Amino acid sequence: MAKQESSGKVRGSRTGRPIMALLDLLGRRWSLRILWELREKPLTSRALRTACDEASPTVLQTRLTELREAGFVELGDGGGYGLTPFGRELCETFMPLHRFAERWRSKTGV
């Protein structure tokens, strides 16, 4: 998942447990948004940047590299980025939270 220090720890965790490493990676700016935008189809760098509200190309590339190293995103033959099977599985775990957020928004107007 997220890069670990040589001591086996990740940012915000003394244990370096897998859940902490995952939350560290997903908590980085644009990580979740990239995964969300790729959930339906692969996108080129430019299309992904547009989908991510013109995020900085440098930050976007850094996140894509991290997500590729973590095994969630891959670069396809056509030059577009897509989710790996592992990335699709991760996005599927977000769907109950997405449905809850939709119900919450309709109830509270947020």
PDB file of N, CA and C in Angstrom:
ATOM      1  N   MET A   1       0.835  -1.176   0.000  1.00  0.00           N
ATOM      2  CA  MET A   1       0.000   0.000   0.000  1.00  0.00           C
ATOM      3  C   MET A   1       0.883   1.243   0.000  1.00  0.00           C
ATOM      4  N   ALA A   2       0.655   2.119   0.986  1.00  0.00           N
ATOM      5  CA  ALA A   2       1.451   3.334   1.070  1.00  0.00           C
ATOM      6  C   ALA A   2       2.891   2.954   1.386  1.00  0.00           C
ATOM      7  N   LYS A   3       3.796   3.776   0.905  1.00  0.00           N
ATOM      8  CA  LYS A   3       5.204   3.478   1.173  1.00  0.00           C
ATOM      9  C   LYS A   3       5.461   3.523   2.664  1.00  0.00           C
ATOM     10  N   GLN A   4       6.177   2.546   3.121  1.00  0.00           N
ATOM     11  CA  GLN A   4       6.481   2.464   4.534  1.00  0.00           C
ATOM     12  C   GLN A   4       7.930   2.844   4.769  1.00  0.00           C
ATOM     13  N   GLU A   5       8.180   3.403   5.920  1.00  0.00           N
ATOM     14  CA  GLU A   5       9.545   3.693   6.316  1.00  0.00           C
ATOM     15  C   GLU A   5      10.232   2.362   6.604  1.00  0.00           C
ATOM     16  N   SER A   6      11.538   2.390   6.680  1.00  0.00           N
ATOM     17  CA  SER A   6      12.283   1.155   6.915  1.00  0.00           C
ATOM     18  C   SER A   6      11.881   0.472   8.213  1.00  0.00           C
ATOM     19  N   SER A   7      11.330   1.231   9.153  1.00  0.00           N
ATOM     20  CA  SER A   7      10.911   0.642  10.426  1.00  0.00           C
ATOM     21  C   SER A   7       9.564  -0.068  10.319  1.00  0.00           C
ATOM     22  N   GLY A   8       8.912  -0.007   9.144  1.00  0.00           N
ATOM     23  CA  GLY A   8       7.620  -0.651   8.964  1.00  0.00           C
ATOM     24  C   GLY A   8       6.455   0.226   9.366  1.00  0.00           C
ATOM     25  N   LYS A   9       6.695   1.492   9.638  1.00  0.00           N
ATOM     26  CA  LYS A   9       5.638   2.400  10.063  1.00  0.00           C
ATOM     27  C   LYS A   9       5.171   3.250   8.889  1.00  0.00           C
ATOM     28  N   VAL A  10       3.957   3.724   8.982  1.00  0.00           N
ATOM     29  CA  VAL A  10       3.415   4.640   7.987  1.00  0.00           C
ATOM     30  C   VAL A  10       3.029   5.924   8.688  1.00  0.00           C
ATOM     31  N   ARG A  11       2.815   6.940   7.905  1.00  0.00           N
ATOM     32  CA  ARG A  11       2.419   8.231   8.444  1.00  0.00           C
ATOM     33  C   ARG A  11       1.202   8.086   9.344  1.00  0.00           C
ATOM     34  N   GLY A  12       1.267   8.616  10.536  1.00  0.00           N
ATOM     35  CA  GLY A  12       0.132   8.588  11.451  1.00  0.00           C
ATOM     36  C   GLY A  12      -0.082   7.248  12.142  1.00  0.00           C
ATOM     37  N   SER A  13       0.884   6.342  12.052  1.00  0.00           N
ATOM     38  CA  SER A  13       0.716   5.027  12.664  1.00  0.00           C
ATOM     39  C   SER A  13       2.041   4.538  13.228  1.00  0.00           C
ATOM     40  N   ARG A  14       1.992   4.048  14.426  1.00  0.00           N
ATOM     41  CA  ARG A  14       3.190   3.445  15.010  1.00  0.00           C
ATOM     42  C   ARG A  14       3.298   1.970  14.648  1.00  0.00           C
ATOM     43  N   THR A  15       2.181   1.384  14.212  1.00  0.00           N
ATOM     44  CA  THR A  15       2.152  -0.050  13.960  1.00  0.00           C
ATOM     45  C   THR A  15       2.431  -0.424  12.509  1.00  0.00           C
ATOM     46  N   GLY A  16       2.067   0.437  11.566  1.00  0.00           N
ATOM     47  CA  GLY A  16       2.229   0.099  10.153  1.00  0.00           C
ATOM     48  C   GLY A  16       1.266  -0.977   9.696  1.00  0.00           C
ATOM     49  N   ARG A  17       0.180  -1.190  10.445  1.00  0.00           N
ATOM     50  CA  ARG A  17      -0.800  -2.209  10.080  1.00  0.00           C
ATOM     51  C   ARG A  17      -1.379  -1.900   8.704  1.00  0.00           C
ATOM     52  N   PRO A  18      -1.801  -2.938   7.973  1.00  0.00           N
ATOM     53  CA  PRO A  18      -2.318  -2.731   6.619  1.00  0.00           C
ATOM     54  C   PRO A  18      -3.441  -1.694   6.533  1.00  0.00           C
ATOM     55  N   ILE A  19      -4.371  -1.688   7.474  1.00  0.00           N
ATOM     56  CA  ILE A  19      -5.461  -0.713   7.414  1.00  0.00           C
ATOM     57  C   ILE A  19      -4.928   0.700   7.537  1.00  0.00           C
ATOM     58  N   MET A  20      -3.903   0.896   8.362  1.00  0.00           N
ATOM     59  CA  MET A  20      -3.328   2.226   8.521  1.00  0.00           C
ATOM     60  C   MET A  20      -2.597   2.651   7.251  1.00  0.00           C
ATOM     61  N   ALA A  21      -1.902   1.718   6.613  1.00  0.00           N
ATOM     62  CA  ALA A  21      -1.214   2.021   5.361  1.00  0.00           C
ATOM     63  C   ALA A  21      -2.222   2.381   4.272  1.00  0.00           C
ATOM     64  N   LEU A  22      -3.328   1.633   4.215  1.00  0.00           N
ATOM     65  CA  LEU A  22      -4.366   1.922   3.224  1.00  0.00           C
ATOM     66  C   LEU A  22      -4.993   3.288   3.473  1.00  0.00           C
ATOM     67  N   LEU A  23      -5.353   3.566   4.720  1.00  0.00           N
ATOM     68  CA  LEU A  23      -5.957   4.858   5.041  1.00  0.00           C
ATOM     69  C   LEU A  23      -4.993   6.010   4.782  1.00  0.00           C
ATOM     70  N   ASP A  24      -3.712   5.786   5.008  1.00  0.00           N
ATOM     71  CA  ASP A  24      -2.715   6.805   4.698  1.00  0.00           C
ATOM     72  C   ASP A  24      -2.726   7.105   3.204  1.00  0.00           C
ATOM     73  N   LEU A  25      -2.699   6.073   2.381  1.00  0.00           N
ATOM     74  CA  LEU A  25      -2.702   6.266   0.928  1.00  0.00           C
ATOM     75  C   LEU A  25      -3.994   6.927   0.468  1.00  0.00           C
ATOM     76  N   LEU A  26      -5.122   6.434   0.928  1.00  0.00           N
ATOM     77  CA  LEU A  26      -6.410   6.974   0.476  1.00  0.00           C
ATOM     78  C   LEU A  26      -6.672   8.376   1.005  1.00  0.00           C
ATOM     79  N   GLY A  27      -6.022   8.738   2.103  1.00  0.00           N
ATOM     80  CA  GLY A  27      -6.208  10.063   2.679  1.00  0.00           C
ATOM     81  C   GLY A  27      -5.390  11.155   2.001  1.00  0.00           C
ATOM     82  N   ARG A  28      -4.529  10.773   1.090  1.00  0.00           N
ATOM     83  CA  ARG A  28      -3.725  11.772   0.386  1.00  0.00           C
ATOM     84  C   ARG A  28      -4.584  12.487  -0.643  1.00  0.00           C
ATOM     85  N   ARG A  29      -4.311  13.764  -0.798  1.00  0.00           N
ATOM     86  CA  ARG A  29      -5.101  14.591  -1.701  1.00  0.00           C
ATOM     87  C   ARG A  29      -5.188  13.965  -3.088  1.00  0.00           C
ATOM     88  N   TRP A  30      -6.383  13.850  -3.599  1.00  0.00           N
ATOM     89  CA  TRP A  30      -6.764  13.367  -4.926  1.00  0.00           C
ATOM     90  C   TRP A  30      -6.785  11.845  -5.055  1.00  0.00           C
ATOM     91  N   SER A  31      -6.286  11.090  -4.099  1.00  0.00           N
ATOM     92  CA  SER A  31      -6.267   9.624  -4.252  1.00  0.00           C
ATOM     93  C   SER A  31      -7.665   9.047  -4.441  1.00  0.00           C
ATOM     94  N   LEU A  32      -8.571   9.372  -3.540  1.00  0.00           N
ATOM     95  CA  LEU A  32      -9.936   8.849  -3.649  1.00  0.00           C
ATOM     96  C   LEU A  32     -10.630   9.355  -4.903  1.00  0.00           C
ATOM     97  N   ARG A  33     -10.397  10.599  -5.229  1.00  0.00           N
ATOM     98  CA  ARG A  33     -11.040  11.165  -6.424  1.00  0.00           C
ATOM     99  C   ARG A  33     -10.570  10.446  -7.681  1.00  0.00           C
ATOM    100  N   ILE A  34      -9.292  10.143  -7.775  1.00  0.00           N
ATOM    101  CA  ILE A  34      -8.772   9.412  -8.935  1.00  0.00           C
ATOM    102  C   ILE A  34      -9.437   8.051  -9.037  1.00  0.00           C
ATOM    103  N   LEU A  35      -9.477   7.322  -7.947  1.00  0.00           N
ATOM    104  CA  LEU A  35     -10.121   6.011  -7.955  1.00  0.00           C
ATOM    105  C   LEU A  35     -11.587   6.123  -8.362  1.00  0.00           C
ATOM    106  N   TRP A  36     -12.269   7.112  -7.826  1.00  0.00           N
ATOM    107  CA  TRP A  36     -13.693   7.299  -8.120  1.00  0.00           C
ATOM    108  C   TRP A  36     -13.916   7.597  -9.596  1.00  0.00           C
ATOM    109  N   GLU A  37     -13.083   8.456 -10.173  1.00  0.00           N
ATOM    110  CA  GLU A  37     -13.240   8.833 -11.576  1.00  0.00           C
ATOM    111  C   GLU A  37     -12.912   7.669 -12.518  1.00  0.00           C
ATOM    112  N   LEU A  38     -12.079   6.736 -12.071  1.00  0.00           N
ATOM    113  CA  LEU A  38     -11.716   5.595 -12.909  1.00  0.00           C
ATOM    114  C   LEU A  38     -12.650   4.406 -12.722  1.00  0.00           C
ATOM    115  N   ARG A  39     -13.644   4.535 -11.851  1.00  0.00           N
ATOM    116  CA  ARG A  39     -14.481   3.376 -11.515  1.00  0.00           C
ATOM    117  C   ARG A  39     -15.300   2.868 -12.698  1.00  0.00           C
ATOM    118  N   GLU A  40     -15.630   3.722 -13.658  1.00  0.00           N
ATOM    119  CA  GLU A  40     -16.477   3.288 -14.769  1.00  0.00           C
ATOM    120  C   GLU A  40     -15.698   2.951 -16.029  1.00  0.00           C
ATOM    121  N   LYS A  41     -14.592   3.675 -16.269  1.00  0.00           N
ATOM    122  CA  LYS A  41     -13.816   3.420 -17.489  1.00  0.00           C
ATOM    123  C   LYS A  41     -12.428   4.037 -17.357  1.00  0.00           C
ATOM    124  N   PRO A  42     -11.480   3.522 -18.142  1.00  0.00           N
ATOM    125  CA  PRO A  42     -10.132   4.112 -18.143  1.00  0.00           C
ATOM    126  C   PRO A  42     -10.178   5.536 -18.717  1.00  0.00           C
ATOM    127  N   LEU A  43      -9.255   6.355 -18.264  1.00  0.00           N
ATOM    128  CA  LEU A  43      -9.157   7.727 -18.741  1.00  0.00           C
ATOM    129  C   LEU A  43      -7.699   8.072 -19.041  1.00  0.00           C
ATOM    130  N   THR A  44      -7.504   8.924 -20.031  1.00  0.00           N
ATOM    131  CA  THR A  44      -6.161   9.434 -20.298  1.00  0.00           C
ATOM    132  C   THR A  44      -5.786  10.409 -19.189  1.00  0.00           C
ATOM    133  N   SER A  45      -4.515  10.761 -19.131  1.00  0.00           N
ATOM    134  CA  SER A  45      -4.061  11.728 -18.118  1.00  0.00           C
ATOM    135  C   SER A  45      -4.854  13.016 -18.221  1.00  0.00           C
ATOM    136  N   ARG A  46      -5.044  13.499 -19.434  1.00  0.00           N
ATOM    137  CA  ARG A  46      -5.758  14.770 -19.642  1.00  0.00           C
ATOM    138  C   ARG A  46      -7.222  14.656 -19.201  1.00  0.00           C
ATOM    139  N   ALA A  47      -7.883  13.581 -19.605  1.00  0.00           N
ATOM    140  CA  ALA A  47      -9.288  13.393 -19.216  1.00  0.00           C
ATOM    141  C   ALA A  47      -9.419  13.240 -17.706  1.00  0.00           C
ATOM    142  N   LEU A  48      -8.465  12.563 -17.109  1.00  0.00           N
ATOM    143  CA  LEU A  48      -8.494  12.392 -15.658  1.00  0.00           C
ATOM    144  C   LEU A  48      -8.281  13.728 -14.964  1.00  0.00           C
ATOM    145  N   ARG A  49      -7.380  14.531 -15.486  1.00  0.00           N
ATOM    146  CA  ARG A  49      -7.139  15.852 -14.894  1.00  0.00           C
ATOM    147  C   ARG A  49      -8.399  16.712 -14.991  1.00  0.00           C
ATOM    148  N   THR A  50      -9.068  16.661 -16.123  1.00  0.00           N
ATOM    149  CA  THR A  50     -10.324  17.407 -16.291  1.00  0.00           C
ATOM    150  C   THR A  50     -11.380  16.900 -15.310  1.00  0.00           C
ATOM    151  N   ALA A  51     -11.494  15.578 -15.181  1.00  0.00           N
ATOM    152  CA  ALA A  51     -12.471  14.988 -14.255  1.00  0.00           C
ATOM    153  C   ALA A  51     -12.162  15.354 -12.812  1.00  0.00           C
ATOM    154  N   CYS A  52     -10.895  15.614 -12.530  1.00  0.00           N
ATOM    155  CA  CYS A  52     -10.468  15.972 -11.172  1.00  0.00           C
ATOM    156  C   CYS A  52     -10.358  17.485 -11.006  1.00  0.00           C
ATOM    157  N   ASP A  53     -11.206  18.218 -11.684  1.00  0.00           N
ATOM    158  CA  ASP A  53     -11.279  19.674 -11.524  1.00  0.00           C
ATOM    159  C   ASP A  53      -9.939  20.368 -11.750  1.00  0.00           C
ATOM    160  N   GLU A  54      -9.226  19.909 -12.787  1.00  0.00           N
ATOM    161  CA  GLU A  54      -7.955  20.531 -13.150  1.00  0.00           C
ATOM    162  C   GLU A  54      -6.929  20.481 -12.019  1.00  0.00           C
ATOM    163  N   ALA A  55      -6.846  19.355 -11.363  1.00  0.00           N
ATOM    164  CA  ALA A  55      -5.837  19.157 -10.319  1.00  0.00           C
ATOM    165  C   ALA A  55      -4.452  19.390 -10.914  1.00  0.00           C
ATOM    166  N   SER A  56      -3.533  19.770 -10.097  1.00  0.00           N
ATOM    167  CA  SER A  56      -2.160  19.993 -10.536  1.00  0.00           C
ATOM    168  C   SER A  56      -1.625  18.736 -11.218  1.00  0.00           C
ATOM    169  N   PRO A  57      -1.041  18.874 -12.419  1.00  0.00           N
ATOM    170  CA  PRO A  57      -0.501  17.702 -13.105  1.00  0.00           C
ATOM    171  C   PRO A  57       0.569  16.982 -12.280  1.00  0.00           C
ATOM    172  N   THR A  58       1.355  17.726 -11.538  1.00  0.00           N
ATOM    173  CA  THR A  58       2.409  17.127 -10.724  1.00  0.00           C
ATOM    174  C   THR A  58       1.816  16.268  -9.614  1.00  0.00           C
ATOM    175  N   VAL A  59       0.837  16.813  -8.913  1.00  0.00           N
ATOM    176  CA  VAL A  59       0.200  16.059  -7.823  1.00  0.00           C
ATOM    177  C   VAL A  59      -0.542  14.848  -8.391  1.00  0.00           C
ATOM    178  N   LEU A  60      -1.237  15.051  -9.499  1.00  0.00           N
ATOM    179  CA  LEU A  60      -1.980  13.960 -10.117  1.00  0.00           C
ATOM    180  C   LEU A  60      -1.041  12.818 -10.504  1.00  0.00           C
ATOM    181  N   GLN A  61       0.094  13.136 -11.095  1.00  0.00           N
ATOM    182  CA  GLN A  61       1.058  12.110 -11.489  1.00  0.00           C
ATOM    183  C   GLN A  61       1.652  11.406 -10.276  1.00  0.00           C
ATOM    184  N   THR A  62       1.909  12.167  -9.223  1.00  0.00           N
ATOM    185  CA  THR A  62       2.420  11.558  -7.996  1.00  0.00           C
ATOM    186  C   THR A  62       1.416  10.556  -7.444  1.00  0.00           C
ATOM    187  N   ARG A  63       0.146  10.947  -7.386  1.00  0.00           N
ATOM    188  CA  ARG A  63      -0.889  10.044  -6.866  1.00  0.00           C
ATOM    189  C   ARG A  63      -1.053   8.824  -7.768  1.00  0.00           C
ATOM    190  N   LEU A  64      -1.037   9.042  -9.081  1.00  0.00           N
ATOM    191  CA  LEU A  64      -1.162   7.908  -9.996  1.00  0.00           C
ATOM    192  C   LEU A  64      -0.012   6.924  -9.802  1.00  0.00           C
ATOM    193  N   THR A  65       1.180   7.437  -9.609  1.00  0.00           N
ATOM    194  CA  THR A  65       2.332   6.572  -9.357  1.00  0.00           C
ATOM    195  C   THR A  65       2.133   5.782  -8.072  1.00  0.00           C
ATOM    196  N   GLU A  66       1.691   6.445  -7.012  1.00  0.00           N
ATOM    197  CA  GLU A  66       1.449   5.767  -5.739  1.00  0.00           C
ATOM    198  C   GLU A  66       0.363   4.701  -5.870  1.00  0.00           C
ATOM    199  N   LEU A  67      -0.709   5.038  -6.573  1.00  0.00           N
ATOM    200  CA  LEU A  67      -1.811   4.095  -6.749  1.00  0.00           C
ATOM    201  C   LEU A  67      -1.403   2.924  -7.645  1.00  0.00           C
ATOM    202  N   ARG A  68      -0.528   3.170  -8.610  1.00  0.00           N
ATOM    203  CA  ARG A  68       0.009   2.076  -9.433  1.00  0.00           C
ATOM    204  C   ARG A  68       0.892   1.174  -8.591  1.00  0.00           C
ATOM    205  N   GLU A  69       1.778   1.762  -7.792  1.00  0.00           N
ATOM    206  CA  GLU A  69       2.667   0.969  -6.938  1.00  0.00           C
ATOM    207  C   GLU A  69       1.876   0.143  -5.927  1.00  0.00           C
ATOM    208  N   ALA A  70       0.726   0.662  -5.513  1.00  0.00           N
ATOM    209  CA  ALA A  70      -0.124  -0.040  -4.549  1.00  0.00           C
ATOM    210  C   ALA A  70      -0.960  -1.133  -5.213  1.00  0.00           C
ATOM    211  N   GLY A  71      -0.977  -1.158  -6.550  1.00  0.00           N
ATOM    212  CA  GLY A  71      -1.708  -2.196  -7.262  1.00  0.00           C
ATOM    213  C   GLY A  71      -3.162  -1.889  -7.550  1.00  0.00           C
ATOM    214  N   PHE A  72      -3.561  -0.621  -7.417  1.00  0.00           N
ATOM    215  CA  PHE A  72      -4.958  -0.248  -7.652  1.00  0.00           C
ATOM    216  C   PHE A  72      -5.210   0.310  -9.050  1.00  0.00           C
ATOM    217  N   VAL A  73      -4.191   0.893  -9.659  1.00  0.00           N
ATOM    218  CA  VAL A  73      -4.324   1.546 -10.960  1.00  0.00           C
ATOM    219  C   VAL A  73      -3.246   0.988 -11.888  1.00  0.00           C
ATOM    220  N   GLU A  74      -3.601   0.885 -13.174  1.00  0.00           N
ATOM    221  CA  GLU A  74      -2.631   0.444 -14.164  1.00  0.00           C
ATOM    222  C   GLU A  74      -2.711   1.331 -15.391  1.00  0.00           C
ATOM    223  N   LEU A  75      -1.614   1.379 -16.117  1.00  0.00           N
ATOM    224  CA  LEU A  75      -1.553   2.126 -17.367  1.00  0.00           C
ATOM    225  C   LEU A  75      -1.852   1.148 -18.485  1.00  0.00           C
ATOM    226  N   GLY A  76      -2.900   1.451 -19.246  1.00  0.00           N
ATOM    227  CA  GLY A  76      -3.307   0.552 -20.320  1.00  0.00           C
ATOM    228  C   GLY A  76      -2.495   0.743 -21.586  1.00  0.00           C
ATOM    229  N   ASP A  77      -2.721  -0.138 -22.545  1.00  0.00           N
ATOM    230  CA  ASP A  77      -2.010  -0.096 -23.818  1.00  0.00           C
ATOM    231  C   ASP A  77      -2.260   1.204 -24.575  1.00  0.00           C
ATOM    232  N   GLY A  78      -3.454   1.753 -24.456  1.00  0.00           N
ATOM    233  CA  GLY A  78      -3.806   2.982 -25.164  1.00  0.00           C
ATOM    234  C   GLY A  78      -3.340   4.246 -24.461  1.00  0.00           C
ATOM    235  N   GLY A  79      -2.597   4.103 -23.382  1.00  0.00           N
ATOM    236  CA  GLY A  79      -2.094   5.267 -22.663  1.00  0.00           C
ATOM    237  C   GLY A  79      -3.009   5.785 -21.578  1.00  0.00           C
ATOM    238  N   GLY A  80      -4.181   5.167 -21.443  1.00  0.00           N
ATOM    239  CA  GLY A  80      -5.101   5.599 -20.400  1.00  0.00           C
ATOM    240  C   GLY A  80      -4.881   4.832 -19.112  1.00  0.00           C
ATOM    241  N   TYR A  81      -5.334   5.420 -18.034  1.00  0.00           N
ATOM    242  CA  TYR A  81      -5.244   4.783 -16.727  1.00  0.00           C
ATOM    243  C   TYR A  81      -6.570   4.108 -16.415  1.00  0.00           C
ATOM    244  N   GLY A  82      -6.485   2.936 -15.825  1.00  0.00           N
ATOM    245  CA  GLY A  82      -7.672   2.201 -15.429  1.00  0.00           C
ATOM    246  C   GLY A  82      -7.433   1.491 -14.119  1.00  0.00           C
ATOM    247  N   LEU A  83      -8.501   0.987 -13.564  1.00  0.00           N
ATOM    248  CA  LEU A  83      -8.403   0.243 -12.318  1.00  0.00           C
ATOM    249  C   LEU A  83      -7.973  -1.190 -12.595  1.00  0.00           C
ATOM    250  N   THR A  84      -7.171  -1.719 -11.711  1.00  0.00           N
ATOM    251  CA  THR A  84      -6.834  -3.138 -11.736  1.00  0.00           C
ATOM    252  C   THR A  84      -8.011  -3.883 -11.105  1.00  0.00           C
ATOM    253  N   PRO A  85      -8.035  -5.207 -11.194  1.00  0.00           N
ATOM    254  CA  PRO A  85      -9.087  -5.943 -10.481  1.00  0.00           C
ATOM    255  C   PRO A  85      -9.105  -5.599  -8.984  1.00  0.00           C
ATOM    256  N   PHE A  86      -7.942  -5.430  -8.402  1.00  0.00           N
ATOM    257  CA  PHE A  86      -7.847  -5.048  -6.995  1.00  0.00           C
ATOM    258  C   PHE A  86      -8.425  -3.649  -6.777  1.00  0.00           C
ATOM    259  N   GLY A  87      -8.170  -2.740  -7.714  1.00  0.00           N
ATOM    260  CA  GLY A  87      -8.718  -1.384  -7.642  1.00  0.00           C
ATOM    261  C   GLY A  87     -10.232  -1.384  -7.762  1.00  0.00           C
ATOM    262  N   ARG A  88     -10.753  -2.246  -8.652  1.00  0.00           N
ATOM    263  CA  ARG A  88     -12.217  -2.348  -8.780  1.00  0.00           C
ATOM    264  C   ARG A  88     -12.831  -2.885  -7.490  1.00  0.00           C
ATOM    265  N   GLU A  89     -12.157  -3.865  -6.886  1.00  0.00           N
ATOM    266  CA  GLU A  89     -12.652  -4.413  -5.617  1.00  0.00           C
ATOM    267  C   GLU A  89     -12.687  -3.323  -4.545  1.00  0.00           C
ATOM    268  N   LEU A  90     -11.637  -2.505  -4.491  1.00  0.00           N
ATOM    269  CA  LEU A  90     -11.607  -1.409  -3.528  1.00  0.00           C
ATOM    270  C   LEU A  90     -12.765  -0.454  -3.773  1.00  0.00           C
ATOM    271  N   CYS A  91     -13.011  -0.093  -5.025  1.00  0.00           N
ATOM    272  CA  CYS A  91     -14.108   0.829  -5.330  1.00  0.00           C
ATOM    273  C   CYS A  91     -15.464   0.230  -4.978  1.00  0.00           C
ATOM    274  N   GLU A  92     -15.594  -1.061  -5.133  1.00  0.00           N
ATOM    275  CA  GLU A  92     -16.846  -1.721  -4.747  1.00  0.00           C
ATOM    276  C   GLU A  92     -17.100  -1.573  -3.251  1.00  0.00           C
ATOM    277  N   THR A  93     -16.029  -1.529  -2.470  1.00  0.00           N
ATOM    278  CA  THR A  93     -16.219  -1.370  -1.029  1.00  0.00           C
ATOM    279  C   THR A  93     -16.703   0.036  -0.682  1.00  0.00           C
ATOM    280  N   PHE A  94     -16.507   0.991  -1.592  1.00  0.00           N
ATOM    281  CA  PHE A  94     -16.975   2.367  -1.373  1.00  0.00           C
ATOM    282  C   PHE A  94     -18.471   2.520  -1.637  1.00  0.00           C
ATOM    283  N   MET A  95     -19.068   1.616  -2.398  1.00  0.00           N
ATOM    284  CA  MET A  95     -20.448   1.802  -2.835  1.00  0.00           C
ATOM    285  C   MET A  95     -21.454   1.892  -1.680  1.00  0.00           C
ATOM    286  N   PRO A  96     -21.369   1.082  -0.628  1.00  0.00           N
ATOM    287  CA  PRO A  96     -22.303   1.285   0.487  1.00  0.00           C
ATOM    288  C   PRO A  96     -22.149   2.682   1.106  1.00  0.00           C
ATOM    289  N   LEU A  97     -20.929   3.172   1.196  1.00  0.00           N
ATOM    290  CA  LEU A  97     -20.702   4.515   1.731  1.00  0.00           C
ATOM    291  C   LEU A  97     -21.280   5.564   0.783  1.00  0.00           C
ATOM    292  N   HIS A  98     -21.145   5.338  -0.511  1.00  0.00           N
ATOM    293  CA  HIS A  98     -21.713   6.244  -1.514  1.00  0.00           C
ATOM    294  C   HIS A  98     -23.240   6.300  -1.376  1.00  0.00           C
ATOM    295  N   ARG A  99     -23.861   5.143  -1.255  1.00  0.00           N
ATOM    296  CA  ARG A  99     -25.324   5.117  -1.098  1.00  0.00           C
ATOM    297  C   ARG A  99     -25.753   5.814   0.185  1.00  0.00           C
ATOM    298  N   PHE A 100     -25.008   5.590   1.250  1.00  0.00           N
ATOM    299  CA  PHE A 100     -25.308   6.271   2.507  1.00  0.00           C
ATOM    300  C   PHE A 100     -25.177   7.785   2.328  1.00  0.00           C
ATOM    301  N   ALA A 101     -24.124   8.235   1.668  1.00  0.00           N
ATOM    302  CA  ALA A 101     -23.909   9.672   1.454  1.00  0.00           C
ATOM    303  C   ALA A 101     -25.053  10.282   0.654  1.00  0.00           C
ATOM    304  N   GLU A 102     -25.564   9.561  -0.334  1.00  0.00           N
ATOM    305  CA  GLU A 102     -26.701  10.054  -1.121  1.00  0.00           C
ATOM    306  C   GLU A 102     -27.942  10.203  -0.242  1.00  0.00           C
ATOM    307  N   ARG A 103     -28.203   9.214   0.610  1.00  0.00           N
ATOM    308  CA  ARG A 103     -29.353   9.305   1.525  1.00  0.00           C
ATOM    309  C   ARG A 103     -29.164  10.450   2.513  1.00  0.00           C
ATOM    310  N   TRP A 104     -27.966  10.586   3.028  1.00  0.00           N
ATOM    311  CA  TRP A 104     -27.646  11.663   3.974  1.00  0.00           C
ATOM    312  C   TRP A 104     -27.858  13.025   3.332  1.00  0.00           C
ATOM    313  N   ARG A 105     -27.384  13.182   2.105  1.00  0.00           N
ATOM    314  CA  ARG A 105     -27.543  14.470   1.407  1.00  0.00           C
ATOM    315  C   ARG A 105     -29.017  14.782   1.182  1.00  0.00           C
ATOM    316  N   SER A 106     -29.792  13.782   0.771  1.00  0.00           N
ATOM    317  CA  SER A 106     -31.212  14.051   0.510  1.00  0.00           C
ATOM    318  C   SER A 106     -31.966  14.380   1.799  1.00  0.00           C
ATOM    319  N   LYS A 107     -31.493  13.847   2.900  1.00  0.00           N
ATOM    320  CA  LYS A 107     -32.154  14.097   4.182  1.00  0.00           C
ATOM    321  C   LYS A 107     -31.738  15.435   4.797  1.00  0.00           C
ATOM    322  N   THR A 108     -30.480  15.800   4.627  1.00  0.00           N
ATOM    323  CA  THR A 108     -29.970  17.009   5.293  1.00  0.00           C
ATOM    324  C   THR A 108     -29.805  18.188   4.345  1.00  0.00           C
ATOM    325  N   GLY A 109     -29.787  17.920   3.041  1.00  0.00           N
ATOM    326  CA  GLY A 109     -29.599  19.019   2.086  1.00  0.00           C
ATOM    327  C   GLY A 109     -28.167  19.488   1.968  1.00  0.00           C
ATOM    328  N   VAL A 110     -27.240  18.748   2.536  1.00  0.00           N
ATOM    329  CA  VAL A 110     -25.819  19.130   2.480  1.00  0.00           C
ATOM    330  C   VAL A 110     -25.291  18.933   1.083  1.00  0.00           C
TER     331      VAL A 110
END
